[in-house]
N, C-alpha and C. Protein backbone atom coordinates (compact mmCIF):
# COMPACT_ATOMS: atom_id res chain seq x y z
N UNK A 1 -215.42 54.21 -197.12
CA UNK A 1 -214.26 54.64 -196.37
C UNK A 1 -214.68 55.76 -195.43
N UNK A 2 -214.34 55.66 -194.17
CA UNK A 2 -214.76 56.67 -193.20
C UNK A 2 -213.79 57.85 -193.20
N UNK A 3 -214.32 59.01 -192.78
CA UNK A 3 -213.51 60.23 -192.70
C UNK A 3 -212.63 60.18 -191.46
N UNK A 4 -211.44 60.84 -191.52
CA UNK A 4 -210.61 60.91 -190.32
C UNK A 4 -211.36 61.61 -189.19
N UNK A 5 -210.97 61.29 -187.97
CA UNK A 5 -211.65 61.81 -186.79
C UNK A 5 -211.71 63.33 -186.80
N UNK A 6 -210.61 64.02 -187.17
CA UNK A 6 -210.59 65.48 -187.13
C UNK A 6 -211.60 66.09 -188.10
N UNK A 7 -211.86 65.44 -189.20
CA UNK A 7 -212.81 66.02 -190.16
C UNK A 7 -214.24 65.87 -189.68
N UNK A 8 -214.51 64.97 -188.73
CA UNK A 8 -215.86 64.79 -188.22
C UNK A 8 -216.17 65.66 -187.01
N UNK A 9 -215.12 66.32 -186.41
CA UNK A 9 -215.31 67.15 -185.21
C UNK A 9 -215.52 68.60 -185.63
N UNK A 10 -216.30 69.34 -184.86
CA UNK A 10 -216.47 70.77 -185.17
C UNK A 10 -215.12 71.50 -185.07
N UNK A 11 -214.83 72.45 -185.95
CA UNK A 11 -213.54 73.16 -185.96
C UNK A 11 -213.21 73.81 -184.61
N UNK A 12 -214.17 74.39 -183.93
CA UNK A 12 -213.90 75.03 -182.65
C UNK A 12 -213.40 74.00 -181.63
N UNK A 13 -213.98 72.82 -181.63
CA UNK A 13 -213.55 71.77 -180.71
C UNK A 13 -212.09 71.37 -180.99
N UNK A 14 -211.72 71.25 -182.27
CA UNK A 14 -210.35 70.89 -182.64
C UNK A 14 -209.39 71.98 -182.17
N UNK A 15 -209.76 73.24 -182.39
CA UNK A 15 -208.91 74.36 -181.97
C UNK A 15 -208.70 74.33 -180.46
N UNK A 16 -209.78 74.18 -179.71
CA UNK A 16 -209.67 74.17 -178.25
C UNK A 16 -208.85 72.98 -177.75
N UNK A 17 -209.02 71.83 -178.35
CA UNK A 17 -208.24 70.66 -177.95
C UNK A 17 -206.75 70.89 -178.18
N UNK A 18 -206.41 71.44 -179.34
CA UNK A 18 -205.01 71.72 -179.63
C UNK A 18 -204.46 72.80 -178.70
N UNK A 19 -205.24 73.84 -178.46
CA UNK A 19 -204.79 74.94 -177.60
C UNK A 19 -204.50 74.44 -176.19
N UNK A 20 -205.43 73.68 -175.62
CA UNK A 20 -205.25 73.22 -174.26
C UNK A 20 -204.17 72.14 -174.15
N UNK A 21 -204.01 71.33 -175.18
CA UNK A 21 -202.93 70.34 -175.12
C UNK A 21 -201.58 71.04 -175.17
N UNK A 22 -201.47 72.13 -175.94
CA UNK A 22 -200.22 72.90 -175.97
C UNK A 22 -199.95 73.54 -174.60
N UNK A 23 -201.00 74.07 -174.00
CA UNK A 23 -200.84 74.69 -172.68
C UNK A 23 -200.39 73.66 -171.65
N UNK A 24 -200.87 72.44 -171.77
CA UNK A 24 -200.48 71.40 -170.82
C UNK A 24 -199.00 71.06 -170.96
N UNK A 25 -198.46 71.09 -172.19
CA UNK A 25 -197.05 70.78 -172.41
C UNK A 25 -196.16 71.98 -172.19
N UNK A 26 -196.71 73.16 -172.14
CA UNK A 26 -195.91 74.38 -171.97
C UNK A 26 -195.45 74.57 -170.53
N UNK A 27 -195.89 73.76 -169.64
CA UNK A 27 -195.49 73.90 -168.24
C UNK A 27 -196.68 74.23 -167.37
N UNK A 28 -196.47 74.17 -166.12
CA UNK A 28 -197.53 74.43 -165.17
C UNK A 28 -197.74 75.94 -165.07
N UNK A 29 -198.93 76.44 -165.42
CA UNK A 29 -199.16 77.89 -165.36
C UNK A 29 -199.07 78.45 -163.94
N UNK A 30 -199.19 77.58 -162.93
CA UNK A 30 -199.04 78.05 -161.55
C UNK A 30 -197.60 78.49 -161.28
N UNK A 31 -196.65 77.91 -162.01
CA UNK A 31 -195.24 78.26 -161.83
C UNK A 31 -194.84 79.48 -162.65
N UNK A 32 -195.64 79.83 -163.64
CA UNK A 32 -195.32 80.96 -164.51
C UNK A 32 -196.57 81.80 -164.75
N UNK A 33 -197.06 82.44 -163.72
CA UNK A 33 -198.31 83.19 -163.88
C UNK A 33 -198.19 84.38 -164.83
N UNK A 34 -196.98 84.83 -165.13
CA UNK A 34 -196.79 85.97 -166.02
C UNK A 34 -196.29 85.55 -167.40
N UNK A 35 -196.19 84.25 -167.61
CA UNK A 35 -195.70 83.75 -168.89
C UNK A 35 -194.18 83.86 -168.95
N UNK A 36 -193.64 83.76 -170.17
CA UNK A 36 -192.19 83.83 -170.37
C UNK A 36 -191.76 85.26 -170.68
N UNK A 37 -190.46 85.47 -170.61
CA UNK A 37 -189.89 86.80 -170.88
C UNK A 37 -190.06 87.16 -172.36
N UNK A 38 -190.18 88.42 -172.62
CA UNK A 38 -190.26 88.93 -173.97
C UNK A 38 -188.89 89.50 -174.35
N UNK A 39 -188.47 89.26 -175.58
CA UNK A 39 -187.18 89.72 -176.06
C UNK A 39 -187.36 91.08 -176.73
N UNK A 40 -186.54 92.03 -176.31
CA UNK A 40 -186.53 93.34 -176.94
C UNK A 40 -185.29 93.41 -177.83
N UNK A 41 -185.49 93.55 -179.11
CA UNK A 41 -184.36 93.65 -180.03
C UNK A 41 -183.91 95.10 -180.08
N UNK A 42 -182.64 95.31 -179.74
CA UNK A 42 -182.09 96.65 -179.63
C UNK A 42 -180.82 96.75 -180.45
N UNK A 43 -180.66 97.83 -181.15
CA UNK A 43 -179.41 98.09 -181.87
C UNK A 43 -178.56 98.96 -180.96
N UNK A 44 -177.36 98.48 -180.63
CA UNK A 44 -176.47 99.18 -179.72
C UNK A 44 -175.40 99.95 -180.48
N UNK A 45 -175.09 101.12 -179.98
CA UNK A 45 -174.00 101.92 -180.54
C UNK A 45 -172.68 101.47 -179.94
N UNK A 46 -171.56 101.83 -180.58
CA UNK A 46 -170.26 101.51 -179.99
C UNK A 46 -170.15 102.08 -178.57
N UNK A 47 -169.49 101.32 -177.70
CA UNK A 47 -169.41 101.68 -176.29
C UNK A 47 -167.96 101.82 -175.84
N UNK A 48 -167.78 102.54 -174.75
CA UNK A 48 -166.50 102.62 -174.06
C UNK A 48 -166.74 102.03 -172.67
N UNK A 49 -166.07 100.91 -172.39
CA UNK A 49 -166.34 100.16 -171.17
C UNK A 49 -165.03 99.72 -170.54
N UNK A 50 -164.98 99.75 -169.21
CA UNK A 50 -163.85 99.17 -168.48
C UNK A 50 -164.40 98.08 -167.56
N UNK A 51 -163.83 96.88 -167.70
CA UNK A 51 -164.18 95.75 -166.85
C UNK A 51 -163.17 95.68 -165.71
N UNK A 52 -163.66 95.67 -164.49
CA UNK A 52 -162.86 95.52 -163.28
C UNK A 52 -162.74 94.02 -163.01
N UNK A 53 -161.60 93.43 -163.40
CA UNK A 53 -161.43 91.98 -163.33
C UNK A 53 -160.62 91.62 -162.10
N UNK A 54 -161.26 90.93 -161.20
CA UNK A 54 -160.64 90.49 -159.95
C UNK A 54 -161.26 89.13 -159.63
N UNK A 55 -160.79 88.08 -160.35
CA UNK A 55 -161.41 86.76 -160.25
C UNK A 55 -160.37 85.70 -159.87
N UNK A 56 -160.85 84.49 -159.59
CA UNK A 56 -159.95 83.45 -159.07
C UNK A 56 -159.78 82.24 -159.98
N UNK A 57 -160.68 82.05 -160.95
CA UNK A 57 -160.66 80.81 -161.73
C UNK A 57 -160.53 81.08 -163.23
N UNK A 58 -160.07 80.06 -163.93
CA UNK A 58 -160.01 80.14 -165.39
C UNK A 58 -161.41 80.34 -165.95
N UNK A 59 -162.39 79.64 -165.40
CA UNK A 59 -163.78 79.78 -165.87
C UNK A 59 -164.27 81.22 -165.72
N UNK A 60 -163.89 81.87 -164.64
CA UNK A 60 -164.31 83.27 -164.44
C UNK A 60 -163.64 84.19 -165.46
N UNK A 61 -162.36 83.94 -165.78
CA UNK A 61 -161.68 84.74 -166.82
C UNK A 61 -162.35 84.49 -168.17
N UNK A 62 -162.65 83.24 -168.47
CA UNK A 62 -163.32 82.91 -169.72
C UNK A 62 -164.67 83.62 -169.81
N UNK A 63 -165.39 83.69 -168.71
CA UNK A 63 -166.67 84.38 -168.69
C UNK A 63 -166.51 85.87 -169.01
N UNK A 64 -165.51 86.50 -168.43
CA UNK A 64 -165.25 87.92 -168.72
C UNK A 64 -164.87 88.09 -170.19
N UNK A 65 -164.03 87.20 -170.71
CA UNK A 65 -163.66 87.28 -172.13
C UNK A 65 -164.89 87.10 -173.02
N UNK A 66 -165.77 86.16 -172.66
CA UNK A 66 -167.01 85.95 -173.42
C UNK A 66 -167.85 87.22 -173.44
N UNK A 67 -168.03 87.82 -172.28
CA UNK A 67 -168.87 89.02 -172.18
C UNK A 67 -168.27 90.18 -172.98
N UNK A 68 -166.96 90.38 -172.85
CA UNK A 68 -166.31 91.48 -173.56
C UNK A 68 -166.37 91.25 -175.07
N UNK A 69 -166.13 90.03 -175.49
CA UNK A 69 -166.18 89.70 -176.92
C UNK A 69 -167.58 89.90 -177.48
N UNK A 70 -168.57 89.42 -176.75
CA UNK A 70 -169.96 89.58 -177.20
C UNK A 70 -170.35 91.06 -177.25
N UNK A 71 -169.95 91.82 -176.24
CA UNK A 71 -170.24 93.26 -176.25
C UNK A 71 -169.61 93.92 -177.47
N UNK A 72 -168.38 93.54 -177.76
CA UNK A 72 -167.70 94.09 -178.93
C UNK A 72 -168.49 93.81 -180.21
N UNK A 73 -168.95 92.58 -180.35
CA UNK A 73 -169.66 92.20 -181.57
C UNK A 73 -171.01 92.89 -181.70
N UNK A 74 -171.79 92.94 -180.63
CA UNK A 74 -173.14 93.51 -180.75
C UNK A 74 -173.14 95.03 -180.82
N UNK A 75 -171.99 95.64 -180.54
CA UNK A 75 -171.91 97.10 -180.63
C UNK A 75 -171.07 97.56 -181.82
N UNK A 76 -170.73 96.65 -182.71
CA UNK A 76 -170.11 97.04 -183.96
C UNK A 76 -168.63 96.79 -184.11
N UNK A 77 -167.92 96.50 -183.04
CA UNK A 77 -166.47 96.23 -183.10
C UNK A 77 -165.74 97.30 -183.91
N UNK A 78 -166.04 98.55 -183.64
CA UNK A 78 -165.44 99.68 -184.36
C UNK A 78 -164.24 100.21 -183.59
N UNK A 79 -163.03 99.98 -184.09
CA UNK A 79 -161.83 100.41 -183.36
C UNK A 79 -161.68 101.92 -183.23
N UNK A 80 -162.43 102.67 -184.01
CA UNK A 80 -162.35 104.13 -183.94
C UNK A 80 -163.35 104.73 -182.96
N UNK A 81 -164.45 104.03 -182.71
CA UNK A 81 -165.52 104.55 -181.86
C UNK A 81 -165.68 103.80 -180.55
N UNK A 82 -164.99 102.69 -180.41
CA UNK A 82 -165.26 101.78 -179.30
C UNK A 82 -163.98 101.46 -178.53
N UNK A 83 -164.14 101.19 -177.24
CA UNK A 83 -163.01 100.79 -176.40
C UNK A 83 -163.53 99.89 -175.29
N UNK A 84 -163.00 98.68 -175.24
CA UNK A 84 -163.35 97.74 -174.18
C UNK A 84 -162.03 97.36 -173.51
N UNK A 85 -161.89 97.76 -172.24
CA UNK A 85 -160.63 97.54 -171.51
C UNK A 85 -160.90 96.61 -170.33
N UNK A 86 -160.09 95.58 -170.21
CA UNK A 86 -160.15 94.68 -169.06
C UNK A 86 -158.95 95.01 -168.17
N UNK A 87 -159.22 95.42 -166.95
CA UNK A 87 -158.15 95.73 -166.00
C UNK A 87 -158.05 94.57 -165.01
N UNK A 88 -156.91 93.88 -165.07
CA UNK A 88 -156.67 92.69 -164.26
C UNK A 88 -155.92 93.09 -162.99
N UNK A 89 -156.43 92.68 -161.83
CA UNK A 89 -155.71 92.99 -160.59
C UNK A 89 -156.05 92.04 -159.46
N UNK A 90 -156.34 90.77 -159.82
CA UNK A 90 -156.67 89.77 -158.80
C UNK A 90 -155.85 88.50 -158.97
N UNK A 91 -156.39 87.41 -158.47
CA UNK A 91 -155.71 86.11 -158.53
C UNK A 91 -155.49 85.64 -159.96
N UNK A 92 -156.28 86.16 -160.91
CA UNK A 92 -156.15 85.75 -162.30
C UNK A 92 -154.81 86.12 -162.93
N UNK A 93 -154.05 87.00 -162.28
CA UNK A 93 -152.77 87.44 -162.84
C UNK A 93 -151.85 86.27 -163.15
N UNK A 94 -151.87 85.25 -162.31
CA UNK A 94 -150.96 84.11 -162.51
C UNK A 94 -151.24 83.38 -163.82
N UNK A 95 -152.47 83.42 -164.32
CA UNK A 95 -152.79 82.77 -165.59
C UNK A 95 -152.03 83.42 -166.75
N UNK A 96 -151.68 84.69 -166.59
CA UNK A 96 -151.04 85.46 -167.66
C UNK A 96 -149.52 85.48 -167.54
N UNK A 97 -148.99 84.74 -166.59
CA UNK A 97 -147.55 84.66 -166.41
C UNK A 97 -146.95 83.74 -167.48
N UNK A 98 -145.86 84.18 -168.06
CA UNK A 98 -145.20 83.40 -169.12
C UNK A 98 -144.83 82.01 -168.63
N UNK A 99 -144.39 81.88 -167.39
CA UNK A 99 -143.97 80.57 -166.88
C UNK A 99 -145.13 79.58 -166.75
N UNK A 100 -146.38 80.06 -166.81
CA UNK A 100 -147.55 79.17 -166.75
C UNK A 100 -148.20 78.96 -168.11
N UNK A 101 -147.48 79.31 -169.17
CA UNK A 101 -148.06 79.23 -170.52
C UNK A 101 -148.57 77.83 -170.84
N UNK A 102 -147.79 76.80 -170.58
CA UNK A 102 -148.22 75.44 -170.91
C UNK A 102 -149.53 75.07 -170.22
N UNK A 103 -149.68 75.49 -168.99
CA UNK A 103 -150.89 75.16 -168.22
C UNK A 103 -152.12 75.92 -168.73
N UNK A 104 -151.93 77.20 -169.16
CA UNK A 104 -153.06 78.04 -169.55
C UNK A 104 -152.99 78.44 -171.03
N UNK A 105 -152.37 77.59 -171.84
CA UNK A 105 -152.14 77.88 -173.26
C UNK A 105 -153.43 78.28 -173.99
N UNK A 106 -154.50 77.50 -173.85
CA UNK A 106 -155.75 77.79 -174.56
C UNK A 106 -156.33 79.14 -174.14
N UNK A 107 -156.31 79.41 -172.84
CA UNK A 107 -156.82 80.69 -172.34
C UNK A 107 -155.99 81.85 -172.89
N UNK A 108 -154.66 81.68 -172.89
CA UNK A 108 -153.78 82.76 -173.37
C UNK A 108 -153.95 82.99 -174.86
N UNK A 109 -154.10 81.93 -175.64
CA UNK A 109 -154.31 82.10 -177.08
C UNK A 109 -155.61 82.84 -177.35
N UNK A 110 -156.63 82.50 -176.61
CA UNK A 110 -157.92 83.19 -176.79
C UNK A 110 -157.82 84.66 -176.39
N UNK A 111 -157.23 84.93 -175.24
CA UNK A 111 -157.09 86.32 -174.77
C UNK A 111 -156.28 87.13 -175.77
N UNK A 112 -155.16 86.59 -176.22
CA UNK A 112 -154.32 87.30 -177.19
C UNK A 112 -155.06 87.54 -178.49
N UNK A 113 -155.83 86.57 -178.93
CA UNK A 113 -156.60 86.70 -180.15
C UNK A 113 -157.64 87.82 -180.04
N UNK A 114 -158.29 87.91 -178.90
CA UNK A 114 -159.28 88.98 -178.70
C UNK A 114 -158.62 90.35 -178.72
N UNK A 115 -157.46 90.44 -178.08
CA UNK A 115 -156.73 91.72 -178.06
C UNK A 115 -156.28 92.08 -179.47
N UNK A 116 -155.81 91.09 -180.20
CA UNK A 116 -155.27 91.32 -181.54
C UNK A 116 -156.35 91.66 -182.57
N UNK A 117 -157.50 91.00 -182.49
CA UNK A 117 -158.47 91.11 -183.58
C UNK A 117 -159.69 91.97 -183.27
N UNK A 118 -159.84 92.42 -182.05
CA UNK A 118 -161.03 93.19 -181.72
C UNK A 118 -160.64 94.49 -181.04
N UNK A 119 -161.60 95.18 -180.50
CA UNK A 119 -161.38 96.47 -179.85
C UNK A 119 -161.12 96.31 -178.36
N UNK A 120 -160.72 95.12 -177.97
CA UNK A 120 -160.49 94.80 -176.56
C UNK A 120 -159.00 94.99 -176.24
N UNK A 121 -158.74 95.60 -175.10
CA UNK A 121 -157.36 95.68 -174.61
C UNK A 121 -157.35 95.17 -173.17
N UNK A 122 -156.18 94.69 -172.76
CA UNK A 122 -156.04 94.14 -171.42
C UNK A 122 -154.89 94.84 -170.72
N UNK A 123 -155.19 95.31 -169.50
CA UNK A 123 -154.20 96.00 -168.68
C UNK A 123 -154.08 95.27 -167.36
N UNK A 124 -152.87 95.30 -166.80
CA UNK A 124 -152.62 94.62 -165.54
C UNK A 124 -152.02 95.58 -164.54
N UNK A 125 -152.47 95.49 -163.30
CA UNK A 125 -151.97 96.31 -162.21
C UNK A 125 -150.55 95.87 -161.85
N UNK A 126 -149.60 96.78 -161.95
CA UNK A 126 -148.20 96.48 -161.63
C UNK A 126 -148.05 96.15 -160.14
N UNK A 127 -148.75 96.88 -159.28
CA UNK A 127 -148.67 96.64 -157.84
C UNK A 127 -149.16 95.23 -157.50
N UNK A 128 -150.29 94.83 -158.08
CA UNK A 128 -150.83 93.49 -157.82
C UNK A 128 -149.89 92.43 -158.37
N UNK A 129 -149.34 92.67 -159.55
CA UNK A 129 -148.40 91.72 -160.15
C UNK A 129 -147.17 91.55 -159.25
N UNK A 130 -146.62 92.65 -158.78
CA UNK A 130 -145.45 92.59 -157.91
C UNK A 130 -145.77 91.86 -156.61
N UNK A 131 -146.95 92.09 -156.07
CA UNK A 131 -147.32 91.43 -154.81
C UNK A 131 -147.46 89.92 -154.99
N UNK A 132 -147.66 89.47 -156.23
CA UNK A 132 -147.77 88.05 -156.52
C UNK A 132 -146.45 87.49 -157.09
N UNK A 133 -145.41 88.34 -157.09
CA UNK A 133 -144.09 87.88 -157.51
C UNK A 133 -143.79 88.00 -158.99
N UNK A 134 -144.55 88.85 -159.72
CA UNK A 134 -144.34 89.00 -161.16
C UNK A 134 -143.82 90.39 -161.50
N UNK A 135 -142.85 90.43 -162.40
CA UNK A 135 -142.35 91.68 -162.97
C UNK A 135 -142.97 91.80 -164.38
N UNK A 136 -142.95 92.99 -164.98
CA UNK A 136 -143.53 93.14 -166.32
C UNK A 136 -143.01 92.11 -167.33
N UNK A 137 -141.73 91.79 -167.26
CA UNK A 137 -141.16 90.83 -168.21
C UNK A 137 -141.64 89.39 -167.97
N UNK A 138 -142.34 89.14 -166.87
CA UNK A 138 -142.87 87.81 -166.57
C UNK A 138 -144.27 87.59 -167.16
N UNK A 139 -144.85 88.64 -167.72
CA UNK A 139 -146.24 88.61 -168.20
C UNK A 139 -146.24 88.66 -169.73
N UNK A 140 -147.18 87.96 -170.35
CA UNK A 140 -147.28 87.92 -171.82
C UNK A 140 -147.36 89.34 -172.42
N UNK A 141 -146.76 89.48 -173.58
CA UNK A 141 -146.61 90.79 -174.22
C UNK A 141 -147.87 91.44 -174.75
N UNK A 142 -148.99 90.74 -174.80
CA UNK A 142 -150.22 91.39 -175.25
C UNK A 142 -150.92 92.13 -174.10
N UNK A 143 -150.34 92.04 -172.91
CA UNK A 143 -150.86 92.73 -171.72
C UNK A 143 -150.09 94.03 -171.54
N UNK A 144 -150.81 95.09 -171.23
CA UNK A 144 -150.17 96.38 -170.90
C UNK A 144 -150.14 96.51 -169.38
N UNK A 145 -148.97 96.78 -168.85
CA UNK A 145 -148.82 96.94 -167.40
C UNK A 145 -149.07 98.41 -167.06
N UNK A 146 -149.94 98.67 -166.07
CA UNK A 146 -150.22 100.03 -165.61
C UNK A 146 -149.80 100.13 -164.15
N UNK A 147 -149.46 101.34 -163.68
CA UNK A 147 -148.96 101.48 -162.31
C UNK A 147 -149.90 100.93 -161.24
N UNK A 148 -151.21 101.19 -161.37
CA UNK A 148 -152.18 100.73 -160.37
C UNK A 148 -153.52 100.47 -161.04
N UNK A 149 -154.08 99.28 -160.84
CA UNK A 149 -155.34 98.92 -161.47
C UNK A 149 -156.49 99.82 -161.07
N UNK A 150 -156.64 100.10 -159.77
CA UNK A 150 -157.74 100.96 -159.32
C UNK A 150 -157.64 102.36 -159.93
N UNK A 151 -156.44 102.91 -159.95
CA UNK A 151 -156.25 104.25 -160.53
C UNK A 151 -156.57 104.24 -162.02
N UNK A 152 -156.23 103.15 -162.71
CA UNK A 152 -156.52 103.06 -164.15
C UNK A 152 -158.03 102.97 -164.40
N UNK A 153 -158.73 102.23 -163.56
CA UNK A 153 -160.19 102.13 -163.69
C UNK A 153 -160.82 103.51 -163.48
N UNK A 154 -160.37 104.22 -162.48
CA UNK A 154 -160.89 105.57 -162.21
C UNK A 154 -160.58 106.50 -163.37
N UNK A 155 -159.34 106.45 -163.88
CA UNK A 155 -158.95 107.31 -165.01
C UNK A 155 -159.81 107.03 -166.23
N UNK A 156 -160.02 105.76 -166.53
CA UNK A 156 -160.83 105.41 -167.70
C UNK A 156 -162.28 105.88 -167.54
N UNK A 157 -162.80 105.79 -166.32
CA UNK A 157 -164.17 106.24 -166.07
C UNK A 157 -164.31 107.76 -166.19
N UNK A 158 -163.46 108.48 -165.51
CA UNK A 158 -163.67 109.91 -165.36
C UNK A 158 -162.95 110.77 -166.39
N UNK A 159 -161.88 110.26 -166.98
CA UNK A 159 -161.15 111.04 -167.98
C UNK A 159 -161.46 110.58 -169.40
N UNK A 160 -161.77 109.29 -169.58
CA UNK A 160 -162.02 108.77 -170.92
C UNK A 160 -163.44 108.28 -171.13
N UNK A 161 -164.34 108.58 -170.17
CA UNK A 161 -165.77 108.29 -170.31
C UNK A 161 -166.12 106.81 -170.52
N UNK A 162 -165.42 105.92 -169.85
CA UNK A 162 -165.73 104.50 -169.92
C UNK A 162 -166.77 104.15 -168.85
N UNK A 163 -167.74 103.34 -169.21
CA UNK A 163 -168.70 102.81 -168.24
C UNK A 163 -168.02 101.70 -167.45
N UNK A 164 -168.39 101.57 -166.18
CA UNK A 164 -167.78 100.59 -165.29
C UNK A 164 -168.56 99.28 -165.32
N UNK A 165 -167.84 98.16 -165.47
CA UNK A 165 -168.46 96.83 -165.44
C UNK A 165 -167.63 95.93 -164.53
N UNK A 166 -168.31 95.01 -163.86
CA UNK A 166 -167.60 94.01 -163.05
C UNK A 166 -167.77 92.67 -163.69
């Protein structure tokens, strides 16, 4: 009975063959002369952040909710040490109107759930809402109406030490 091919080859030859075959499948080194990115594992402390939300699509609102939720989780979701505020003052306001609930039900349930169960709060610019034809009673109750979105963002940054995010 003959020995398998690998047992008859010198070990260095086997190593080099495997190494170079892996390199060939890893992609063209001309396209990645520096290799792939390295991951730095970091432990984050609770944060105070204000998101300036001025978007046009449901997908964009979902993206902001994803980012805020993930930030909450990786920084401890501590309601005593952390504050994540989304200030709404763009086209997205219509998604939060009670009369559009059937159309945006899934988005509203998710947003309300994040406000209810995490350290996230959502505020809406009253001026922007009025300019789009909405009064406070037209907007879902998990939203806090503030006099002016820009002024609230500034107040949160300079009076309550929130970092600014877009």
